[in-house]
PDB file of N, CA and C in Angstrom:
ATOM      1  N   MET A   1     134.105 272.494 152.331  1.00  0.00           N
ATOM      2  CA  MET A   1     132.856 272.600 153.059  1.00  0.00           C
ATOM      3  C   MET A   1     133.127 273.315 154.379  1.00  0.00           C
ATOM      4  N   ARG A   2     132.322 274.311 154.671  1.00  0.00           N
ATOM      5  CA  ARG A   2     132.532 275.050 155.913  1.00  0.00           C
ATOM      6  C   ARG A   2     131.768 274.383 157.052  1.00  0.00           C
ATOM      7  N   PRO A   3     132.286 274.454 158.287  1.00  0.00           N
ATOM      8  CA  PRO A   3     131.584 273.832 159.412  1.00  0.00           C
ATOM      9  C   PRO A   3     130.273 274.555 159.687  1.00  0.00           C
ATOM     10  N   LEU A   4     129.294 273.810 160.132  1.00  0.00           N
ATOM     11  CA  LEU A   4     127.994 274.379 160.451  1.00  0.00           C
ATOM     12  C   LEU A   4     127.924 274.661 161.937  1.00  0.00           C
ATOM     13  N   GLU A   5     127.583 275.879 162.263  1.00  0.00           N
ATOM     14  CA  GLU A   5     127.480 276.267 163.657  1.00  0.00           C
ATOM     15  C   GLU A   5     126.057 276.716 163.931  1.00  0.00           C
ATOM     16  N   PRO A   6     125.298 275.943 164.730  1.00  0.00           N
ATOM     17  CA  PRO A   6     123.938 276.378 165.041  1.00  0.00           C
ATOM     18  C   PRO A   6     123.955 277.684 165.826  1.00  0.00           C
ATOM     19  N   VAL A   7     123.243 278.653 165.324  1.00  0.00           N
ATOM     20  CA  VAL A   7     123.118 279.948 165.977  1.00  0.00           C
ATOM     21  C   VAL A   7     121.641 280.271 166.016  1.00  0.00           C
ATOM     22  N   GLU A   8     121.122 280.567 167.184  1.00  0.00           N
ATOM     23  CA  GLU A   8     119.708 280.877 167.288  1.00  0.00           C
ATOM     24  C   GLU A   8     119.512 282.354 166.965  1.00  0.00           C
ATOM     25  N   LEU A   9     118.637 282.637 166.022  1.00  0.00           N
ATOM     26  CA  LEU A   9     118.385 283.999 165.591  1.00  0.00           C
ATOM     27  C   LEU A   9     116.921 284.346 165.788  1.00  0.00           C
ATOM     28  N   THR A  10     116.642 285.588 166.083  1.00  0.00           N
ATOM     29  CA  THR A  10     115.269 286.069 166.103  1.00  0.00           C
ATOM     30  C   THR A  10     115.144 287.071 164.974  1.00  0.00           C
ATOM     31  N   LEU A  11     114.241 286.821 164.051  1.00  0.00           N
ATOM     32  CA  LEU A  11     114.059 287.727 162.931  1.00  0.00           C
ATOM     33  C   LEU A  11     113.276 288.948 163.376  1.00  0.00           C
ATOM     34  N   ARG A  12     113.682 290.116 162.878  1.00  0.00           N
ATOM     35  CA  ARG A  12     112.950 291.330 163.201  1.00  0.00           C
ATOM     36  C   ARG A  12     111.527 291.224 162.686  1.00  0.00           C
ATOM     37  N   CYS A  13     110.600 291.754 163.385  1.00  0.00           N
ATOM     38  CA  CYS A  13     109.180 291.817 163.042  1.00  0.00           C
ATOM     39  C   CYS A  13     108.447 290.497 163.256  1.00  0.00           C
ATOM     40  N   SER A  14     108.980 289.385 162.795  1.00  0.00           N
ATOM     41  CA  SER A  14     108.224 288.138 162.876  1.00  0.00           C
ATOM     42  C   SER A  14     108.319 287.500 164.252  1.00  0.00           C
ATOM     43  N   GLY A  15     109.452 287.682 164.936  1.00  0.00           N
ATOM     44  CA  GLY A  15     109.648 287.058 166.232  1.00  0.00           C
ATOM     45  C   GLY A  15     109.874 285.560 166.137  1.00  0.00           C
ATOM     46  N   LYS A  16     109.924 285.004 164.917  1.00  0.00           N
ATOM     47  CA  LYS A  16     110.136 283.569 164.756  1.00  0.00           C
ATOM     48  C   LYS A  16     111.600 283.246 164.996  1.00  0.00           C
ATOM     49  N   ARG A  17     111.836 282.130 165.645  1.00  0.00           N
ATOM     50  CA  ARG A  17     113.202 281.729 165.952  1.00  0.00           C
ATOM     51  C   ARG A  17     113.693 280.759 164.889  1.00  0.00           C
ATOM     52  N   ARG A  18     114.942 280.904 164.510  1.00  0.00           N
ATOM     53  CA  ARG A  18     115.552 280.062 163.492  1.00  0.00           C
ATOM     54  C   ARG A  18     116.842 279.476 164.041  1.00  0.00           C
ATOM     55  N   VAL A  19     117.297 278.393 163.464  1.00  0.00           N
ATOM     56  CA  VAL A  19     118.564 277.794 163.850  1.00  0.00           C
ATOM     57  C   VAL A  19     119.470 277.804 162.634  1.00  0.00           C
ATOM     58  N   GLY A  20     120.654 278.336 162.800  1.00  0.00           N
ATOM     59  CA  GLY A  20     121.601 278.415 161.704  1.00  0.00           C
ATOM     60  C   GLY A  20     121.916 279.857 161.368  1.00  0.00           C
ATOM     61  N   THR A  21     122.806 280.040 160.440  1.00  0.00           N
ATOM     62  CA  THR A  21     123.132 281.387 159.986  1.00  0.00           C
ATOM     63  C   THR A  21     122.403 281.639 158.675  1.00  0.00           C
ATOM     64  N   ILE A  22     122.093 282.887 158.407  1.00  0.00           N
ATOM     65  CA  ILE A  22     121.348 283.240 157.203  1.00  0.00           C
ATOM     66  C   ILE A  22     122.140 282.792 155.977  1.00  0.00           C
ATOM     67  N   ALA A  23     121.474 282.073 155.082  1.00  0.00           N
ATOM     68  CA  ALA A  23     122.123 281.572 153.868  1.00  0.00           C
ATOM     69  C   ALA A  23     122.347 282.723 152.894  1.00  0.00           C
ATOM     70  N   THR A  24     123.498 282.719 152.265  1.00  0.00           N
ATOM     71  CA  THR A  24     123.818 283.747 151.277  1.00  0.00           C
ATOM     72  C   THR A  24     124.141 283.077 149.950  1.00  0.00           C
ATOM     73  N   GLY A  25     124.120 283.858 148.895  1.00  0.00           N
ATOM     74  CA  GLY A  25     124.484 283.344 147.577  1.00  0.00           C
ATOM     75  C   GLY A  25     123.427 282.469 146.943  1.00  0.00           C
ATOM     76  N   LEU A  26     122.174 282.655 147.311  1.00  0.00           N
ATOM     77  CA  LEU A  26     121.110 281.809 146.770  1.00  0.00           C
ATOM     78  C   LEU A  26     120.306 282.484 145.658  1.00  0.00           C
ATOM     79  N   SER A  27     120.619 283.731 145.352  1.00  0.00           N
ATOM     80  CA  SER A  27     119.896 284.428 144.286  1.00  0.00           C
ATOM     81  C   SER A  27     120.048 283.664 142.981  1.00  0.00           C
ATOM     82  N   GLY A  28     118.934 283.452 142.309  1.00  0.00           N
ATOM     83  CA  GLY A  28     118.936 282.709 141.056  1.00  0.00           C
ATOM     84  C   GLY A  28     118.778 281.207 141.253  1.00  0.00           C
ATOM     85  N   ILE A  29     118.949 280.730 142.476  1.00  0.00           N
ATOM     86  CA  ILE A  29     118.787 279.305 142.777  1.00  0.00           C
ATOM     87  C   ILE A  29     117.445 279.073 143.456  1.00  0.00           C
ATOM     88  N   VAL A  30     117.142 279.939 144.408  1.00  0.00           N
ATOM     89  CA  VAL A  30     115.898 279.875 145.175  1.00  0.00           C
ATOM     90  C   VAL A  30     115.065 281.094 144.769  1.00  0.00           C
ATOM     91  N   PRO A  31     113.747 280.953 144.627  1.00  0.00           N
ATOM     92  CA  PRO A  31     112.932 282.129 144.301  1.00  0.00           C
ATOM     93  C   PRO A  31     113.213 283.276 145.273  1.00  0.00           C
ATOM     94  N   GLU A  32     113.326 284.480 144.750  1.00  0.00           N
ATOM     95  CA  GLU A  32     113.726 285.642 145.552  1.00  0.00           C
ATOM     96  C   GLU A  32     112.869 285.833 146.799  1.00  0.00           C
ATOM     97  N   ASN A  33     111.570 285.557 146.705  1.00  0.00           N
ATOM     98  CA  ASN A  33     110.712 285.764 147.875  1.00  0.00           C
ATOM     99  C   ASN A  33     110.966 284.726 148.971  1.00  0.00           C
ATOM    100  N   LEU A  34     111.689 283.634 148.654  1.00  0.00           N
ATOM    101  CA  LEU A  34     111.989 282.607 149.649  1.00  0.00           C
ATOM    102  C   LEU A  34     113.402 282.709 150.221  1.00  0.00           C
ATOM    103  N   VAL A  35     114.262 283.500 149.594  1.00  0.00           N
ATOM    104  CA  VAL A  35     115.653 283.612 150.050  1.00  0.00           C
ATOM    105  C   VAL A  35     115.750 283.959 151.537  1.00  0.00           C
ATOM    106  N   PRO A  36     114.937 284.895 152.077  1.00  0.00           N
ATOM    107  CA  PRO A  36     115.067 285.225 153.505  1.00  0.00           C
ATOM    108  C   PRO A  36     114.739 284.065 154.449  1.00  0.00           C
ATOM    109  N   ALA A  37     114.086 283.030 153.957  1.00  0.00           N
ATOM    110  CA  ALA A  37     113.706 281.898 154.812  1.00  0.00           C
ATOM    111  C   ALA A  37     114.777 280.812 154.864  1.00  0.00           C
ATOM    112  N   TRP A  38     115.853 280.946 154.100  1.00  0.00           N
ATOM    113  CA  TRP A  38     116.880 279.905 154.023  1.00  0.00           C
ATOM    114  C   TRP A  38     118.016 280.179 154.999  1.00  0.00           C
ATOM    115  N   TYR A  39     118.428 279.114 155.716  1.00  0.00           N
ATOM    116  CA  TYR A  39     119.514 279.188 156.697  1.00  0.00           C
ATOM    117  C   TYR A  39     120.468 278.023 156.473  1.00  0.00           C
ATOM    118  N   TRP A  40     121.763 278.261 156.715  1.00  0.00           N
ATOM    119  CA  TRP A  40     122.733 277.172 156.680  1.00  0.00           C
ATOM    120  C   TRP A  40     122.615 276.441 158.008  1.00  0.00           C
ATOM    121  N   THR A  41     122.307 275.180 157.950  1.00  0.00           N
ATOM    122  CA  THR A  41     122.145 274.400 159.168  1.00  0.00           C
ATOM    123  C   THR A  41     122.380 272.927 158.861  1.00  0.00           C
ATOM    124  N   ASP A  42     122.432 272.125 159.864  1.00  0.00           N
ATOM    125  CA  ASP A  42     122.623 270.691 159.708  1.00  0.00           C
ATOM    126  C   ASP A  42     121.308 270.047 159.279  1.00  0.00           C
ATOM    127  N   GLN A  43     121.383 269.036 158.418  1.00  0.00           N
ATOM    128  CA  GLN A  43     120.166 268.408 157.908  1.00  0.00           C
ATOM    129  C   GLN A  43     119.344 267.716 158.990  1.00  0.00           C
ATOM    130  N   PHE A  44     119.962 267.333 160.093  1.00  0.00           N
ATOM    131  CA  PHE A  44     119.232 266.616 161.128  1.00  0.00           C
ATOM    132  C   PHE A  44     118.677 267.532 162.219  1.00  0.00           C
ATOM    133  N   VAL A  45     119.006 268.812 162.178  1.00  0.00           N
ATOM    134  CA  VAL A  45     118.544 269.724 163.216  1.00  0.00           C
ATOM    135  C   VAL A  45     117.032 269.941 163.137  1.00  0.00           C
ATOM    136  N   SER A  46     116.425 269.665 161.994  1.00  0.00           N
ATOM    137  CA  SER A  46     114.975 269.869 161.870  1.00  0.00           C
ATOM    138  C   SER A  46     114.204 269.006 162.864  1.00  0.00           C
ATOM    139  N   GLU A  47     114.734 267.833 163.205  1.00  0.00           N
ATOM    140  CA  GLU A  47     114.071 266.983 164.194  1.00  0.00           C
ATOM    141  C   GLU A  47     113.999 267.689 165.547  1.00  0.00           C
ATOM    142  N   ILE A  48     115.060 268.368 165.912  1.00  0.00           N
ATOM    143  CA  ILE A  48     115.128 269.072 167.189  1.00  0.00           C
ATOM    144  C   ILE A  48     114.247 270.319 167.155  1.00  0.00           C
ATOM    145  N   VAL A  49     114.279 271.043 166.049  1.00  0.00           N
ATOM    146  CA  VAL A  49     113.442 272.237 165.903  1.00  0.00           C
ATOM    147  C   VAL A  49     111.970 271.852 165.989  1.00  0.00           C
ATOM    148  N   PHE A  50     111.569 270.803 165.272  1.00  0.00           N
ATOM    149  CA  PHE A  50     110.171 270.369 165.295  1.00  0.00           C
ATOM    150  C   PHE A  50     109.767 269.958 166.710  1.00  0.00           C
ATOM    151  N   HIS A  51     110.619 269.225 167.398  1.00  0.00           N
ATOM    152  CA  HIS A  51     110.332 268.801 168.767  1.00  0.00           C
ATOM    153  C   HIS A  51     110.086 270.016 169.659  1.00  0.00           C
ATOM    154  N   ASN A  52     110.955 271.008 169.584  1.00  0.00           N
ATOM    155  CA  ASN A  52     110.783 272.211 170.404  1.00  0.00           C
ATOM    156  C   ASN A  52     109.508 272.964 170.058  1.00  0.00           C
ATOM    157  N   ARG A  53     109.166 273.000 168.789  1.00  0.00           N
ATOM    158  CA  ARG A  53     107.915 273.671 168.404  1.00  0.00           C
ATOM    159  C   ARG A  53     106.703 272.924 168.946  1.00  0.00           C
ATOM    160  N   MET A  54     106.761 271.612 168.937  1.00  0.00           N
ATOM    161  CA  MET A  54     105.653 270.826 169.480  1.00  0.00           C
ATOM    162  C   MET A  54     105.510 271.049 170.986  1.00  0.00           C
ATOM    163  N   LEU A  55     106.628 271.165 171.686  1.00  0.00           N
ATOM    164  CA  LEU A  55     106.580 271.405 173.130  1.00  0.00           C
ATOM    165  C   LEU A  55     105.898 272.729 173.462  1.00  0.00           C
ATOM    166  N   ASN A  56     106.004 273.689 172.571  1.00  0.00           N
ATOM    167  CA  ASN A  56     105.456 275.020 172.825  1.00  0.00           C
ATOM    168  C   ASN A  56     104.198 275.318 172.011  1.00  0.00           C
ATOM    169  N   HIS A  57     103.611 274.314 171.383  1.00  0.00           N
ATOM    170  CA  HIS A  57     102.443 274.541 170.528  1.00  0.00           C
ATOM    171  C   HIS A  57     101.227 274.925 171.367  1.00  0.00           C
ATOM    172  N   LYS A  58     100.441 275.864 170.860  1.00  0.00           N
ATOM    173  CA  LYS A  58      99.279 276.358 171.610  1.00  0.00           C
ATOM    174  C   LYS A  58      98.211 275.289 171.821  1.00  0.00           C
ATOM    175  N   CYS A  59      98.192 274.250 171.007  1.00  0.00           N
ATOM    176  CA  CYS A  59      97.182 273.194 171.138  1.00  0.00           C
ATOM    177  C   CYS A  59      97.663 272.010 171.975  1.00  0.00           C
ATOM    178  N   ARG A  60      98.855 272.104 172.504  1.00  0.00           N
ATOM    179  CA  ARG A  60      99.398 270.995 173.291  1.00  0.00           C
ATOM    180  C   ARG A  60      98.579 270.801 174.563  1.00  0.00           C
ATOM    181  N   VAL A  61      98.276 269.563 174.868  1.00  0.00           N
ATOM    182  CA  VAL A  61      97.593 269.228 176.116  1.00  0.00           C
ATOM    183  C   VAL A  61      98.481 268.284 176.914  1.00  0.00           C
ATOM    184  N   LEU A  62      98.342 268.339 178.216  1.00  0.00           N
ATOM    185  CA  LEU A  62      99.150 267.488 179.080  1.00  0.00           C
ATOM    186  C   LEU A  62      98.345 266.337 179.675  1.00  0.00           C
ATOM    187  N   GLU A  63      97.023 266.358 179.481  1.00  0.00           N
ATOM    188  CA  GLU A  63      96.175 265.287 179.992  1.00  0.00           C
ATOM    189  C   GLU A  63      96.071 264.212 178.918  1.00  0.00           C
ATOM    190  N   LEU A  64      96.745 263.112 179.115  1.00  0.00           N
ATOM    191  CA  LEU A  64      96.789 262.060 178.099  1.00  0.00           C
ATOM    192  C   LEU A  64      95.407 261.513 177.761  1.00  0.00           C
ATOM    193  N   GLU A  65      94.499 261.524 178.733  1.00  0.00           N
ATOM    194  CA  GLU A  65      93.161 260.981 178.505  1.00  0.00           C
ATOM    195  C   GLU A  65      92.401 261.749 177.432  1.00  0.00           C
ATOM    196  N   SER A  66      92.676 263.044 177.272  1.00  0.00           N
ATOM    197  CA  SER A  66      91.936 263.856 176.306  1.00  0.00           C
ATOM    198  C   SER A  66      92.652 263.997 174.968  1.00  0.00           C
ATOM    199  N   THR A  67      93.762 263.340 174.817  1.00  0.00           N
ATOM    200  CA  THR A  67      94.565 263.479 173.608  1.00  0.00           C
ATOM    201  C   THR A  67      94.084 262.547 172.509  1.00  0.00           C
ATOM    202  N   LYS A  68      94.023 263.086 171.301  1.00  0.00           N
ATOM    203  CA  LYS A  68      93.627 262.298 170.132  1.00  0.00           C
ATOM    204  C   LYS A  68      94.837 261.911 169.279  1.00  0.00           C
ATOM    205  N   ALA A  69      95.900 262.671 169.376  1.00  0.00           N
ATOM    206  CA  ALA A  69      97.104 262.400 168.590  1.00  0.00           C
ATOM    207  C   ALA A  69      98.322 262.636 169.473  1.00  0.00           C
ATOM    208  N   PHE A  70      99.385 261.935 169.171  1.00  0.00           N
ATOM    209  CA  PHE A  70     100.610 262.047 169.948  1.00  0.00           C
ATOM    210  C   PHE A  70     101.782 262.329 169.025  1.00  0.00           C
ATOM    211  N   TYR A  71     102.688 263.134 169.511  1.00  0.00           N
ATOM    212  CA  TYR A  71     103.977 263.307 168.849  1.00  0.00           C
ATOM    213  C   TYR A  71     105.001 262.636 169.749  1.00  0.00           C
ATOM    214  N   ILE A  72     105.713 261.687 169.203  1.00  0.00           N
ATOM    215  CA  ILE A  72     106.732 260.979 169.966  1.00  0.00           C
ATOM    216  C   ILE A  72     108.087 261.391 169.410  1.00  0.00           C
ATOM    217  N   PRO A  73     108.856 262.154 170.184  1.00  0.00           N
ATOM    218  CA  PRO A  73     110.151 262.595 169.665  1.00  0.00           C
ATOM    219  C   PRO A  73     111.113 261.424 169.519  1.00  0.00           C
ATOM    220  N   PHE A  74     111.505 261.190 168.301  1.00  0.00           N
ATOM    221  CA  PHE A  74     112.486 260.153 168.012  1.00  0.00           C
ATOM    222  C   PHE A  74     113.370 260.705 166.913  1.00  0.00           C
ATOM    223  N   TYR A  75     114.597 260.950 167.225  1.00  0.00           N
ATOM    224  CA  TYR A  75     115.518 261.563 166.278  1.00  0.00           C
ATOM    225  C   TYR A  75     116.093 260.491 165.361  1.00  0.00           C
ATOM    226  N   ALA A  76     115.325 260.156 164.338  1.00  0.00           N
ATOM    227  CA  ALA A  76     115.701 259.077 163.422  1.00  0.00           C
ATOM    228  C   ALA A  76     117.048 259.336 162.755  1.00  0.00           C
ATOM    229  N   GLY A  77     117.288 260.565 162.367  1.00  0.00           N
ATOM    230  CA  GLY A  77     118.558 260.889 161.722  1.00  0.00           C
ATOM    231  C   GLY A  77     119.744 260.625 162.625  1.00  0.00           C
ATOM    232  N   LEU A  78     119.588 260.928 163.892  1.00  0.00           N
ATOM    233  CA  LEU A  78     120.671 260.671 164.841  1.00  0.00           C
ATOM    234  C   LEU A  78     120.792 259.185 165.143  1.00  0.00           C
ATOM    235  N   ALA A  79     119.662 258.489 165.197  1.00  0.00           N
ATOM    236  CA  ALA A  79     119.687 257.059 165.503  1.00  0.00           C
ATOM    237  C   ALA A  79     120.373 256.256 164.404  1.00  0.00           C
ATOM    238  N   VAL A  80     120.136 256.621 163.165  1.00  0.00           N
ATOM    239  CA  VAL A  80     120.703 255.854 162.052  1.00  0.00           C
ATOM    240  C   VAL A  80     122.090 256.358 161.652  1.00  0.00           C
ATOM    241  N   GLY A  81     122.402 257.594 162.000  1.00  0.00           N
ATOM    242  CA  GLY A  81     123.641 258.219 161.550  1.00  0.00           C
ATOM    243  C   GLY A  81     124.905 257.438 161.825  1.00  0.00           C
ATOM    244  N   LYS A  82     124.996 256.837 162.981  1.00  0.00           N
ATOM    245  CA  LYS A  82     126.239 256.134 163.309  1.00  0.00           C
ATOM    246  C   LYS A  82     126.398 254.826 162.540  1.00  0.00           C
ATOM    247  N   TYR A  83     125.343 254.378 161.862  1.00  0.00           N
ATOM    248  CA  TYR A  83     125.412 253.126 161.115  1.00  0.00           C
ATOM    249  C   TYR A  83     125.584 253.329 159.608  1.00  0.00           C
ATOM    250  N   LEU A  84     125.494 254.552 159.143  1.00  0.00           N
ATOM    251  CA  LEU A  84     125.519 254.802 157.703  1.00  0.00           C
ATOM    252  C   LEU A  84     126.872 254.536 157.054  1.00  0.00           C
ATOM    253  N   TRP A  85     127.943 254.789 157.763  1.00  0.00           N
ATOM    254  CA  TRP A  85     129.267 254.682 157.164  1.00  0.00           C
ATOM    255  C   TRP A  85     130.131 253.635 157.861  1.00  0.00           C
ATOM    256  N   SER A  86     129.494 252.553 158.247  1.00  0.00           N
ATOM    257  CA  SER A  86     130.240 251.474 158.898  1.00  0.00           C
ATOM    258  C   SER A  86     129.763 250.140 158.330  1.00  0.00           C
ATOM    259  N   ASN A  87     130.352 249.088 158.795  1.00  0.00           N
ATOM    260  CA  ASN A  87     129.974 247.748 158.332  1.00  0.00           C
ATOM    261  C   ASN A  87     128.881 247.149 159.204  1.00  0.00           C
ATOM    262  N   SER A  88     127.941 247.950 159.619  1.00  0.00           N
ATOM    263  CA  SER A  88     126.855 247.483 160.478  1.00  0.00           C
ATOM    264  C   SER A  88     125.834 246.695 159.676  1.00  0.00           C
ATOM    265  N   THR A  89     125.155 245.825 160.365  1.00  0.00           N
ATOM    266  CA  THR A  89     124.096 245.046 159.723  1.00  0.00           C
ATOM    267  C   THR A  89     122.781 245.824 159.789  1.00  0.00           C
ATOM    268  N   ALA A  90     121.812 245.373 159.021  1.00  0.00           N
ATOM    269  CA  ALA A  90     120.479 245.984 159.064  1.00  0.00           C
ATOM    270  C   ALA A  90     119.884 245.826 160.462  1.00  0.00           C
ATOM    271  N   LYS A  91     120.180 244.712 161.109  1.00  0.00           N
ATOM    272  CA  LYS A  91     119.676 244.482 162.469  1.00  0.00           C
ATOM    273  C   LYS A  91     120.243 245.529 163.429  1.00  0.00           C
ATOM    274  N   ASP A  92     121.542 245.811 163.310  1.00  0.00           N
ATOM    275  CA  ASP A  92     122.162 246.854 164.140  1.00  0.00           C
ATOM    276  C   ASP A  92     121.503 248.200 163.867  1.00  0.00           C
ATOM    277  N   ARG A  93     121.354 248.528 162.589  1.00  0.00           N
ATOM    278  CA  ARG A  93     120.800 249.816 162.175  1.00  0.00           C
ATOM    279  C   ARG A  93     119.379 250.012 162.689  1.00  0.00           C
ATOM    280  N   ASP A  94     118.580 248.950 162.693  1.00  0.00           N
ATOM    281  CA  ASP A  94     117.163 249.055 163.042  1.00  0.00           C
ATOM    282  C   ASP A  94     116.870 248.829 164.521  1.00  0.00           C
ATOM    283  N   LEU A  95     117.886 248.586 165.329  1.00  0.00           N
ATOM    284  CA  LEU A  95     117.691 248.285 166.745  1.00  0.00           C
ATOM    285  C   LEU A  95     116.870 249.348 167.468  1.00  0.00           C
ATOM    286  N   HIS A  96     117.245 250.620 167.336  1.00  0.00           N
ATOM    287  CA  HIS A  96     116.549 251.686 168.061  1.00  0.00           C
ATOM    288  C   HIS A  96     115.117 251.866 167.578  1.00  0.00           C
ATOM    289  N   TYR A  97     114.893 251.672 166.284  1.00  0.00           N
ATOM    290  CA  TYR A  97     113.531 251.771 165.757  1.00  0.00           C
ATOM    291  C   TYR A  97     112.650 250.685 166.366  1.00  0.00           C
ATOM    292  N   GLY A  98     113.183 249.481 166.448  1.00  0.00           N
ATOM    293  CA  GLY A  98     112.435 248.372 167.033  1.00  0.00           C
ATOM    294  C   GLY A  98     112.126 248.601 168.502  1.00  0.00           C
ATOM    295  N   MET A  99     113.105 249.134 169.227  1.00  0.00           N
ATOM    296  CA  MET A  99     112.898 249.424 170.650  1.00  0.00           C
ATOM    297  C   MET A  99     111.805 250.474 170.832  1.00  0.00           C
ATOM    298  N   MET A 100     111.837 251.512 169.998  1.00  0.00           N
ATOM    299  CA  MET A 100     110.830 252.560 170.105  1.00  0.00           C
ATOM    300  C   MET A 100     109.447 252.016 169.756  1.00  0.00           C
ATOM    301  N   LEU A 101     109.360 251.243 168.691  1.00  0.00           N
ATOM    302  CA  LEU A 101     108.078 250.689 168.274  1.00  0.00           C
ATOM    303  C   LEU A 101     107.483 249.800 169.360  1.00  0.00           C
ATOM    304  N   LYS A 102     108.299 248.977 169.973  1.00  0.00           N
ATOM    305  CA  LYS A 102     107.822 248.108 171.060  1.00  0.00           C
ATOM    306  C   LYS A 102     107.310 248.949 172.223  1.00  0.00           C
ATOM    307  N   TRP A 103     108.062 249.980 172.590  1.00  0.00           N
ATOM    308  CA  TRP A 103     107.648 250.847 173.693  1.00  0.00           C
ATOM    309  C   TRP A 103     106.305 251.502 173.381  1.00  0.00           C
ATOM    310  N   VAL A 104     106.160 252.034 172.178  1.00  0.00           N
ATOM    311  CA  VAL A 104     104.911 252.703 171.790  1.00  0.00           C
ATOM    312  C   VAL A 104     103.747 251.720 171.836  1.00  0.00           C
ATOM    313  N   GLN A 105     103.938 250.537 171.300  1.00  0.00           N
ATOM    314  CA  GLN A 105     102.856 249.549 171.260  1.00  0.00           C
ATOM    315  C   GLN A 105     102.446 249.080 172.648  1.00  0.00           C
ATOM    316  N   ASP A 106     103.314 249.220 173.630  1.00  0.00           N
ATOM    317  CA  ASP A 106     102.999 248.832 175.005  1.00  0.00           C
ATOM    318  C   ASP A 106     102.279 249.929 175.789  1.00  0.00           C
ATOM    319  N   GLN A 107     102.150 251.111 175.219  1.00  0.00           N
ATOM    320  CA  GLN A 107     101.522 252.225 175.931  1.00  0.00           C
ATOM    321  C   GLN A 107     100.002 252.098 175.915  1.00  0.00           C
ATOM    322  N   PRO A 108      99.343 252.348 177.051  1.00  0.00           N
ATOM    323  CA  PRO A 108      97.884 252.191 177.113  1.00  0.00           C
ATOM    324  C   PRO A 108      97.138 253.114 176.150  1.00  0.00           C
ATOM    325  N   TYR A 109      97.666 254.297 175.895  1.00  0.00           N
ATOM    326  CA  TYR A 109      96.957 255.232 175.017  1.00  0.00           C
ATOM    327  C   TYR A 109      97.095 254.828 173.552  1.00  0.00           C
ATOM    328  N   PHE A 110      98.146 254.119 173.220  1.00  0.00           N
ATOM    329  CA  PHE A 110      98.294 253.553 171.880  1.00  0.00           C
ATOM    330  C   PHE A 110      97.288 252.415 171.715  1.00  0.00           C
ATOM    331  N   LYS A 111      97.200 251.582 172.725  1.00  0.00           N
ATOM    332  CA  LYS A 111      96.279 250.439 172.683  1.00  0.00           C
ATOM    333  C   LYS A 111      94.823 250.896 172.642  1.00  0.00           C
ATOM    334  N   ARG A 112      94.530 252.008 173.314  1.00  0.00           N
ATOM    335  CA  ARG A 112      93.157 252.527 173.379  1.00  0.00           C
ATOM    336  C   ARG A 112      92.590 252.786 171.988  1.00  0.00           C
ATOM    337  N   SER A 113      93.450 253.272 171.088  1.00  0.00           N
ATOM    338  CA  SER A 113      92.968 253.617 169.753  1.00  0.00           C
ATOM    339  C   SER A 113      93.492 252.661 168.683  1.00  0.00           C
ATOM    340  N   ASN A 114      94.049 251.545 169.112  1.00  0.00           N
ATOM    341  CA  ASN A 114      94.654 250.586 168.185  1.00  0.00           C
ATOM    342  C   ASN A 114      95.713 251.245 167.313  1.00  0.00           C
ATOM    343  N   GLY A 115      96.440 252.148 167.913  1.00  0.00           N
ATOM    344  CA  GLY A 115      97.538 252.803 167.206  1.00  0.00           C
ATOM    345  C   GLY A 115      97.074 253.953 166.402  1.00  0.00           C
TER     346      GLY A 115
END
């Protein structure tokens, strides 16, 4: 297995930013029209990419009072990753999820809409 090195690329014409190196050797595995969209990257990097896209989304508002939906960045893959290959208990594994859920439920804007 080769190491994965995140590399930020800008595709010509589209201007879309990608993370990872262009995947090769996918002909016959992935439909030909989708091959240019595939990159070698870490499975958990999508959480970071999505977060960055949300930060720069054209519909993002900063006034919490006018917001109808919220995106709360929580990197679940990173939170659980350290517990996957150890003798941790379910309580250990779920600690960060519980902390986040409690924090969210205590927020006035969550309470305003009953979640």
